[in-house]
């Protein structure tokens, strides 16, 4: 990142303040880590590259605000790491409730990281990421009635309130990528605020099945769950056409349909 103001904006978007616990994914040389520490945060940095781990540890060796873990974030048990840190802080009277994530992550793992973090609303309040601009626009679109929508859009809106914050031109990076980036904030929902589905596991199983036959009507793509006639009846009962296709449904539509089918 050539433009230090982008890192400052990332931290500002997350509302990082003194005493916060922040997860920094892929700190690299530590430019974002430095801004987080200056904001008064305790930082857990997860870095896969052993050379970068050494560099970051040496750069911030004089501070007790940083813990560096040499791990692959997609394989790291983030929940246990954060929970242990929060418990240790609370035992000292700091009353730390939920952590934040602020990171500039590789574009190729962005979807995996989003899927990993968003269901952790019980221990994470905000996830602020620098993503590829195209992915950022897609993930933050809450209309959910477009042909390019996928199960990940339902996933994102189920677990969070996403917001596209601002675009970051490719000229801000070295080496310069072929695409622009954007900052996105996911405000994670508490479990009590999730859409009221009978079973989260079966809900997403139904959504994935629906999109596997994206160009098919739901009465065909969901036939492994129940008969076409029962699916048509469920669609009618929730006020949807019997010819509905997955891209035509909102998150609320999917919730109602799932709960109706679960009664069958």
Protein backbone atom coordinates (compact mmCIF):
# COMPACT_ATOMS: atom_id res chain seq x y z
CA UNK A 1 0.00 0.00 0.00
CA UNK A 2 1.66 3.21 -1.20
CA UNK A 3 -0.95 5.59 0.22
CA UNK A 4 -0.78 5.64 4.03
CA UNK A 5 -4.06 7.57 4.23
CA UNK A 6 -5.92 4.46 3.01
CA UNK A 7 -4.76 2.55 6.08
CA UNK A 8 -5.87 5.43 8.29
CA UNK A 9 -9.28 5.39 6.61
CA UNK A 10 -9.58 1.63 7.17
CA UNK A 11 -9.01 2.18 10.87
CA UNK A 12 -11.44 5.11 10.94
CA UNK A 13 -14.18 3.10 9.19
CA UNK A 14 -13.84 0.40 11.87
CA UNK A 15 -14.03 3.02 14.60
CA UNK A 16 -10.95 1.59 16.30
CA UNK A 17 -10.32 3.20 19.66
CA UNK A 18 -7.99 2.81 22.61
CA UNK A 19 -8.33 -0.62 24.21
CA UNK A 20 -9.98 -2.37 21.24
CA UNK A 21 -8.86 -5.84 20.17
CA UNK A 22 -8.24 -5.97 16.42
CA UNK A 23 -7.41 -8.88 14.16
CA UNK A 24 -5.02 -7.88 11.35
CA UNK A 25 -4.85 -10.46 8.55
CA UNK A 26 -1.70 -10.54 6.44
CA UNK A 27 0.13 -7.55 7.99
CA UNK A 28 3.00 -7.74 5.48
CA UNK A 29 5.52 -5.06 6.47
CA UNK A 30 3.16 -3.74 9.15
CA UNK A 31 1.92 -0.44 7.67
CA UNK A 32 -1.69 -1.04 8.72
CA UNK A 33 -0.55 -2.68 11.96
CA UNK A 34 1.31 0.51 12.83
CA UNK A 35 -1.84 2.63 12.42
CA UNK A 36 -3.84 0.20 14.57
CA UNK A 37 -1.26 0.28 17.35
CA UNK A 38 -1.10 4.08 17.24
CA UNK A 39 -4.91 4.10 17.65
CA UNK A 40 -4.41 2.25 20.93
CA UNK A 41 -5.59 -1.19 19.84
CA UNK A 42 -4.26 -4.55 20.95
CA UNK A 43 -3.52 -6.35 17.69
CA UNK A 44 -3.44 -10.03 16.80
CA UNK A 45 -1.70 -10.30 13.43
CA UNK A 46 -1.97 -13.50 11.39
CA UNK A 47 0.77 -13.85 8.80
CA UNK A 48 1.54 -16.89 6.64
CA UNK A 49 4.93 -15.76 5.31
CA UNK A 50 7.70 -16.55 7.87
CA UNK A 51 9.89 -13.72 6.53
CA UNK A 52 7.11 -11.17 7.10
CA UNK A 53 6.55 -12.60 10.60
CA UNK A 54 10.18 -11.90 11.48
CA UNK A 55 10.00 -8.41 9.97
CA UNK A 56 6.83 -7.43 11.85
CA UNK A 57 8.11 -8.84 15.14
CA UNK A 58 11.33 -6.87 14.79
CA UNK A 59 9.54 -3.67 13.78
CA UNK A 60 7.20 -3.74 16.77
CA UNK A 61 9.46 -5.53 19.24
CA UNK A 62 9.21 -2.69 21.75
CA UNK A 63 5.41 -2.81 22.12
CA UNK A 64 3.26 -5.17 24.13
CA UNK A 65 0.19 -4.35 21.98
CA UNK A 66 0.99 -6.94 19.29
CA UNK A 67 0.77 -10.72 19.05
CA UNK A 68 1.97 -12.23 15.75
CA UNK A 69 0.80 -15.70 14.71
CA UNK A 70 2.53 -17.50 11.85
CA UNK A 71 -0.51 -19.24 10.37
CA UNK A 72 -2.63 -19.52 7.26
CA UNK A 73 -5.74 -17.52 8.12
CA UNK A 74 -7.99 -19.91 6.16
CA UNK A 75 -6.82 -22.75 8.44
CA UNK A 76 -6.45 -20.81 11.68
CA UNK A 77 -8.98 -21.37 14.47
CA UNK A 78 -9.75 -17.67 14.80
CA UNK A 79 -12.62 -18.13 17.25
CA UNK A 80 -10.50 -19.85 19.87
CA UNK A 81 -7.67 -17.33 19.43
CA UNK A 82 -9.95 -14.33 19.92
CA UNK A 83 -11.96 -15.96 22.71
CA UNK A 84 -8.81 -16.73 24.72
CA UNK A 85 -7.56 -13.16 24.34
CA UNK A 86 -10.91 -11.64 25.27
CA UNK A 87 -11.18 -13.87 28.34
CA UNK A 88 -7.66 -12.93 29.47
CA UNK A 89 -8.43 -9.22 29.05
CA UNK A 90 -11.72 -9.51 30.91
CA UNK A 91 -10.00 -11.29 33.79
CA UNK A 92 -7.91 -8.15 34.30
CA UNK A 93 -10.98 -5.92 34.45
CA UNK A 94 -10.81 -4.46 30.92
CA UNK A 95 -14.37 -5.56 30.04
CA UNK A 96 -13.57 -6.33 26.39
CA UNK A 97 -16.69 -7.73 24.74
CA UNK A 98 -16.13 -8.16 20.99
CA UNK A 99 -13.17 -7.79 18.68
CA UNK A 100 -12.85 -6.07 15.30
CA UNK A 101 -11.19 -7.18 12.09
CA UNK A 102 -9.34 -4.63 9.96
CA UNK A 103 -7.35 -6.05 7.07
CA UNK A 104 -6.00 -5.67 3.56
CA UNK A 105 -6.29 -9.27 2.39
CA UNK A 106 -5.25 -11.00 -0.85
CA UNK A 107 -8.13 -10.81 -3.32
CA UNK A 108 -7.99 -14.56 -4.04
CA UNK A 109 -8.97 -15.52 -0.48
CA UNK A 110 -11.53 -12.76 0.14
CA UNK A 111 -14.61 -14.97 -0.19
CA UNK A 112 -13.11 -17.65 2.07
CA UNK A 113 -12.24 -15.05 4.72
CA UNK A 114 -15.69 -13.45 4.56
CA UNK A 115 -17.35 -16.86 5.00
CA UNK A 116 -15.04 -17.62 7.90
CA UNK A 117 -15.55 -14.37 9.81
CA UNK A 118 -19.16 -13.31 9.35
CA UNK A 119 -20.78 -16.05 11.47
CA UNK A 120 -18.69 -14.86 14.47
CA UNK A 121 -20.98 -12.03 15.53
CA UNK A 122 -20.83 -13.24 19.13
CA UNK A 123 -17.11 -12.33 19.39
CA UNK A 124 -16.58 -9.91 16.44
CA UNK A 125 -18.53 -6.65 16.01
CA UNK A 126 -17.08 -5.27 12.78
CA UNK A 127 -15.14 -6.64 9.81
CA UNK A 128 -13.52 -3.95 7.64
CA UNK A 129 -11.74 -5.31 4.58
CA UNK A 130 -10.00 -4.00 1.51
CA UNK A 131 -11.44 -6.11 -1.32
CA UNK A 132 -11.41 -6.18 -5.09
CA UNK A 133 -13.85 -3.46 -6.17
CA UNK A 134 -16.04 -5.81 -8.21
CA UNK A 135 -16.37 -8.24 -5.30
CA UNK A 136 -17.04 -5.36 -2.89
CA UNK A 137 -19.90 -4.07 -5.03
CA UNK A 138 -21.40 -7.54 -5.36
CA UNK A 139 -21.17 -8.43 -1.68
CA UNK A 140 -22.70 -5.17 -0.46
CA UNK A 141 -25.69 -5.14 -2.81
CA UNK A 142 -28.69 -5.71 -0.55
CA UNK A 143 -31.33 -5.73 -3.30
CA UNK A 144 -30.78 -9.47 -3.89
CA UNK A 145 -32.89 -9.53 -7.02
CA UNK A 146 -30.28 -9.72 -9.77
CA UNK A 147 -29.24 -12.58 -12.01
CA UNK A 148 -25.60 -12.40 -10.84
CA UNK A 149 -26.48 -13.01 -7.21
CA UNK A 150 -25.10 -16.14 -5.60
CA UNK A 151 -25.48 -17.96 -2.28
CA UNK A 152 -22.68 -15.80 -0.83
CA UNK A 153 -24.95 -12.75 -1.13
CA UNK A 154 -27.61 -14.47 0.96
CA UNK A 155 -24.86 -15.52 3.39
CA UNK A 156 -23.48 -11.98 3.77
CA UNK A 157 -26.88 -10.41 4.40
CA UNK A 158 -27.93 -13.20 6.77
CA UNK A 159 -24.95 -12.62 9.08
CA UNK A 160 -24.22 -8.92 8.64
CA UNK A 161 -25.21 -5.48 7.46
CA UNK A 162 -22.69 -4.80 4.67
CA UNK A 163 -21.71 -1.34 3.48
CA UNK A 164 -19.52 -0.23 0.57
CA UNK A 165 -17.44 2.63 1.95
CA UNK A 166 -15.12 3.93 -0.78
CA UNK A 167 -13.10 2.95 -3.82
CA UNK A 168 -9.29 2.64 -3.76
CA UNK A 169 -7.65 3.12 -7.15
CA UNK A 170 -5.14 0.49 -8.28
CA UNK A 171 -2.43 3.17 -8.47
CA UNK A 172 -2.28 3.11 -4.65
CA UNK A 173 -0.62 -0.34 -4.70
CA UNK A 174 2.82 -1.67 -5.56
CA UNK A 175 3.08 -3.81 -7.52
CA UNK A 176 0.00 -2.36 -9.24
CA UNK A 177 -2.81 -4.90 -9.71
CA UNK A 178 -5.06 -5.07 -12.77
CA UNK A 179 -8.14 -4.07 -10.79
CA UNK A 180 -9.25 -1.38 -8.35
CA UNK A 181 -10.04 -2.11 -4.71
CA UNK A 182 -12.64 -0.89 -2.24
CA UNK A 183 -13.16 -0.71 1.49
CA UNK A 184 -16.15 -2.62 2.83
CA UNK A 185 -17.55 -2.69 6.34
CA UNK A 186 -19.56 -5.66 7.54
CA UNK A 187 -21.45 -4.88 10.74
CA UNK A 188 -21.88 -8.35 12.21
CA UNK A 189 -25.24 -9.36 13.65
CA UNK A 190 -25.69 -10.94 17.04
CA UNK A 191 -27.28 -14.38 16.97
CA UNK A 192 -30.51 -12.88 18.30
CA UNK A 193 -30.67 -10.66 15.20
CA UNK A 194 -30.29 -13.42 12.60
CA UNK A 195 -33.29 -14.01 10.33
CA UNK A 196 -35.67 -16.40 12.12
CA UNK A 197 -34.99 -19.72 10.39
CA UNK A 198 -35.87 -23.07 11.91
CA UNK A 199 -32.36 -24.39 11.17
CA UNK A 200 -29.40 -22.36 9.88
CA UNK A 201 -27.74 -25.48 8.48
CA UNK A 202 -30.79 -26.62 6.52
CA UNK A 203 -31.51 -23.03 5.43
CA UNK A 204 -28.15 -22.66 3.68
CA UNK A 205 -28.40 -26.19 2.32
CA UNK A 206 -31.67 -25.16 0.64
CA UNK A 207 -30.17 -21.88 -0.65
CA UNK A 208 -27.16 -23.68 -2.13
CA UNK A 209 -29.42 -26.24 -3.79
CA UNK A 210 -31.58 -23.47 -5.21
CA UNK A 211 -28.60 -21.75 -6.84
CA UNK A 212 -27.14 -25.02 -8.12
CA UNK A 213 -30.05 -24.94 -10.52
CA UNK A 214 -29.92 -21.17 -10.94
CA UNK A 215 -31.71 -21.10 -14.28
CA UNK A 216 -34.25 -23.63 -13.10
CA UNK A 217 -37.48 -22.89 -11.30
CA UNK A 218 -37.36 -23.67 -7.59
CA UNK A 219 -40.03 -26.33 -7.96
CA UNK A 220 -37.44 -28.28 -9.97
CA UNK A 221 -34.15 -27.46 -8.23
CA UNK A 222 -35.58 -28.26 -4.76
CA UNK A 223 -37.26 -31.53 -5.65
CA UNK A 224 -34.75 -33.51 -3.59
CA UNK A 225 -36.23 -31.82 -0.49
CA UNK A 226 -39.89 -32.45 -1.28
CA UNK A 227 -42.14 -32.89 -4.29
CA UNK A 228 -42.71 -30.22 -6.94
CA UNK A 229 -46.34 -29.90 -5.85
CA UNK A 230 -45.31 -29.33 -2.22
CA UNK A 231 -42.76 -26.70 -3.29
CA UNK A 232 -45.40 -24.95 -5.41
CA UNK A 233 -47.76 -24.95 -2.43
CA UNK A 234 -45.03 -23.53 -0.17
CA UNK A 235 -44.27 -20.78 -2.69
CA UNK A 236 -47.94 -19.85 -2.89
CA UNK A 237 -48.26 -19.85 0.90
CA UNK A 238 -45.49 -17.26 1.23
CA UNK A 239 -46.85 -15.11 -1.59
CA UNK A 240 -44.42 -16.09 -4.35
CA UNK A 241 -45.18 -17.27 -7.91
CA UNK A 242 -44.98 -21.02 -8.43
CA UNK A 243 -42.57 -20.31 -11.30
CA UNK A 244 -40.05 -18.49 -9.06
CA UNK A 245 -36.31 -18.80 -9.72
CA UNK A 246 -33.61 -18.28 -7.03
CA UNK A 247 -32.34 -14.92 -8.35
CA UNK A 248 -35.86 -13.50 -7.97
CA UNK A 249 -36.00 -14.07 -4.20
CA UNK A 250 -34.84 -11.75 -1.43
CA UNK A 251 -33.26 -12.99 1.80
CA UNK A 252 -36.64 -12.61 3.50
CA UNK A 253 -38.29 -14.67 0.73
CA UNK A 254 -35.79 -17.48 1.23
CA UNK A 255 -36.36 -17.40 4.99
CA UNK A 256 -40.13 -17.67 4.60
CA UNK A 257 -39.83 -20.41 1.99
CA UNK A 258 -37.42 -22.44 4.11
CA UNK A 259 -39.65 -22.28 7.17
CA UNK A 260 -42.69 -23.22 5.07
CA UNK A 261 -40.92 -26.21 3.46
CA UNK A 262 -39.69 -27.32 6.89
CA UNK A 263 -43.32 -27.85 7.89
CA UNK A 264 -43.84 -30.38 5.09
